[in-house]
Amino acid sequence: MARQVGMWTTHGVRNEKPFEGLYLARWNDAETGLIIVSREGHHVMNGLSYWDDKAAELIEVWATPSGSAVLHFNRRLGLVGRVAGVVGP
């Protein structure tokens, strides 16, 4: 997780239009997880990232103006196909 700490400029394509964004990750106060802010064009996302020892997964919880999601990353399986808590208008 320490490799994610910092601020970077990001580049991508959304709806066939290129955008430039910003990714900022910092440790929480206990240094047990990361607080993440990502801006892609006019889309702003806020996230938390932490390691779950019991499941041996990196878990990210994301909130955006259009909804939220919980992502599970497993070393053996990559992004695990479990997205939970999706909410939106």
C-alpha atoms as a PDB file:
ATOM      1  CA  MET A   1       0.000   0.000   0.000  1.00  0.00           C
ATOM      2  CA  ALA A   2       2.903   2.352   0.643  1.00  0.00           C
ATOM      3  CA  ARG A   3       3.547   2.458  -3.117  1.00  0.00           C
ATOM      4  CA  GLN A   4       0.177   4.142  -3.599  1.00  0.00           C
ATOM      5  CA  VAL A   5       0.913   7.011  -1.191  1.00  0.00           C
ATOM      6  CA  GLY A   6       1.489  10.260  -3.039  1.00  0.00           C
ATOM      7  CA  MET A   7       0.002  12.429  -5.746  1.00  0.00           C
ATOM      8  CA  TRP A   8       0.014  11.705  -9.476  1.00  0.00           C
ATOM      9  CA  THR A   9      -1.436  13.114 -12.640  1.00  0.00           C
ATOM     10  CA  THR A  10      -3.597  10.564 -14.437  1.00  0.00           C
ATOM     11  CA  HIS A  11      -4.680  10.323 -18.070  1.00  0.00           C
ATOM     12  CA  GLY A  12      -7.508   8.321 -19.582  1.00  0.00           C
ATOM     13  CA  VAL A  13     -10.535   8.234 -21.854  1.00  0.00           C
ATOM     14  CA  ARG A  14     -14.167   8.465 -20.742  1.00  0.00           C
ATOM     15  CA  ASN A  15     -16.987   8.312 -23.269  1.00  0.00           C
ATOM     16  CA  GLU A  16     -14.392   8.438 -26.055  1.00  0.00           C
ATOM     17  CA  LYS A  17     -13.045  11.768 -24.748  1.00  0.00           C
ATOM     18  CA  PRO A  18      -9.581  12.091 -23.193  1.00  0.00           C
ATOM     19  CA  PHE A  19      -9.238  13.533 -19.721  1.00  0.00           C
ATOM     20  CA  GLU A  20      -6.475  14.441 -17.300  1.00  0.00           C
ATOM     21  CA  GLY A  21      -6.997  13.815 -13.626  1.00  0.00           C
ATOM     22  CA  LEU A  22      -5.366  13.674 -10.222  1.00  0.00           C
ATOM     23  CA  TYR A  23      -4.839  10.774  -7.809  1.00  0.00           C
ATOM     24  CA  LEU A  24      -3.963  11.541  -4.177  1.00  0.00           C
ATOM     25  CA  ALA A  25      -3.476   8.859  -1.502  1.00  0.00           C
ATOM     26  CA  ARG A  26      -2.359   9.366   2.093  1.00  0.00           C
ATOM     27  CA  TRP A  27      -2.213   7.173   5.188  1.00  0.00           C
ATOM     28  CA  ASN A  28      -5.047   7.377   7.702  1.00  0.00           C
ATOM     29  CA  ASP A  29      -4.051   8.521  11.209  1.00  0.00           C
ATOM     30  CA  ALA A  30      -3.301   4.967  12.400  1.00  0.00           C
ATOM     31  CA  GLU A  31      -1.434   4.123   9.175  1.00  0.00           C
ATOM     32  CA  THR A  32      -3.645   1.052   8.714  1.00  0.00           C
ATOM     33  CA  GLY A  33      -5.243   2.179   5.468  1.00  0.00           C
ATOM     34  CA  LEU A  34      -5.272   4.848   2.804  1.00  0.00           C
ATOM     35  CA  ILE A  35      -7.565   7.789   2.198  1.00  0.00           C
ATOM     36  CA  ILE A  36      -7.851   8.389  -1.537  1.00  0.00           C
ATOM     37  CA  VAL A  37      -9.187  11.250  -3.637  1.00  0.00           C
ATOM     38  CA  SER A  38      -9.329  10.804  -7.380  1.00  0.00           C
ATOM     39  CA  ARG A  39     -10.422  13.424  -9.888  1.00  0.00           C
ATOM     40  CA  GLU A  40     -10.972  12.402 -13.497  1.00  0.00           C
ATOM     41  CA  GLY A  41     -12.139  15.370 -15.526  1.00  0.00           C
ATOM     42  CA  HIS A  42     -15.112  16.649 -13.545  1.00  0.00           C
ATOM     43  CA  HIS A  43     -15.676  13.283 -11.790  1.00  0.00           C
ATOM     44  CA  VAL A  44     -14.513  13.272  -8.150  1.00  0.00           C
ATOM     45  CA  MET A  45     -14.263  10.003  -6.227  1.00  0.00           C
ATOM     46  CA  ASN A  46     -13.391   9.481  -2.568  1.00  0.00           C
ATOM     47  CA  GLY A  47     -12.113   6.155  -1.346  1.00  0.00           C
ATOM     48  CA  LEU A  48     -10.668   4.168   1.513  1.00  0.00           C
ATOM     49  CA  SER A  49      -8.270   1.289   0.992  1.00  0.00           C
ATOM     50  CA  TYR A  50      -7.150  -1.285   3.575  1.00  0.00           C
ATOM     51  CA  TRP A  51      -5.762  -4.802   3.844  1.00  0.00           C
ATOM     52  CA  ASP A  52      -8.051  -7.503   5.275  1.00  0.00           C
ATOM     53  CA  ASP A  53      -5.760 -10.138   6.842  1.00  0.00           C
ATOM     54  CA  LYS A  54      -8.555 -12.663   7.354  1.00  0.00           C
ATOM     55  CA  ALA A  55      -9.632 -12.607   3.685  1.00  0.00           C
ATOM     56  CA  ALA A  56      -6.109 -11.869   2.354  1.00  0.00           C
ATOM     57  CA  GLU A  57      -7.589  -9.105   0.212  1.00  0.00           C
ATOM     58  CA  LEU A  58      -7.089  -5.437  -0.436  1.00  0.00           C
ATOM     59  CA  ILE A  59     -10.474  -3.775  -0.013  1.00  0.00           C
ATOM     60  CA  GLU A  60     -11.402  -0.413  -1.496  1.00  0.00           C
ATOM     61  CA  VAL A  61     -14.576   1.461  -0.605  1.00  0.00           C
ATOM     62  CA  TRP A  62     -15.467   4.199  -3.108  1.00  0.00           C
ATOM     63  CA  ALA A  63     -18.072   6.973  -3.031  1.00  0.00           C
ATOM     64  CA  THR A  64     -19.007   9.189  -5.963  1.00  0.00           C
ATOM     65  CA  PRO A  65     -21.868  11.611  -6.589  1.00  0.00           C
ATOM     66  CA  SER A  66     -23.621   8.832  -8.550  1.00  0.00           C
ATOM     67  CA  GLY A  67     -23.151   5.954  -6.094  1.00  0.00           C
ATOM     68  CA  SER A  68     -20.701   3.819  -4.168  1.00  0.00           C
ATOM     69  CA  ALA A  69     -18.979   0.446  -4.435  1.00  0.00           C
ATOM     70  CA  VAL A  70     -16.839  -1.954  -2.425  1.00  0.00           C
ATOM     71  CA  LEU A  71     -14.076  -3.669  -4.413  1.00  0.00           C
ATOM     72  CA  HIS A  72     -12.128  -6.749  -3.283  1.00  0.00           C
ATOM     73  CA  PHE A  73      -8.671  -7.384  -4.759  1.00  0.00           C
ATOM     74  CA  ASN A  74      -7.271 -10.856  -4.197  1.00  0.00           C
ATOM     75  CA  ARG A  75      -3.652 -11.703  -5.099  1.00  0.00           C
ATOM     76  CA  ARG A  76      -4.654 -15.033  -6.590  1.00  0.00           C
ATOM     77  CA  LEU A  77      -7.801 -13.865  -8.405  1.00  0.00           C
ATOM     78  CA  GLY A  78      -7.173 -10.173  -9.143  1.00  0.00           C
ATOM     79  CA  LEU A  79     -10.316  -8.073  -8.788  1.00  0.00           C
ATOM     80  CA  VAL A  80     -12.748 -10.426  -7.135  1.00  0.00           C
ATOM     81  CA  GLY A  81     -16.174 -10.333  -8.744  1.00  0.00           C
ATOM     82  CA  ARG A  82     -17.842  -9.010  -5.641  1.00  0.00           C
ATOM     83  CA  VAL A  83     -19.065  -5.471  -5.865  1.00  0.00           C
ATOM     84  CA  ALA A  84     -21.373  -4.694  -2.991  1.00  0.00           C
ATOM     85  CA  GLY A  85     -23.349  -1.760  -1.736  1.00  0.00           C
ATOM     86  CA  VAL A  86     -23.847  -0.080  -5.089  1.00  0.00           C
ATOM     87  CA  VAL A  87     -26.196   2.833  -4.627  1.00  0.00           C
ATOM     88  CA  GLY A  88     -27.243   5.573  -6.949  1.00  0.00           C
ATOM     89  CA  PRO A  89     -30.017   7.909  -8.011  1.00  0.00           C
END
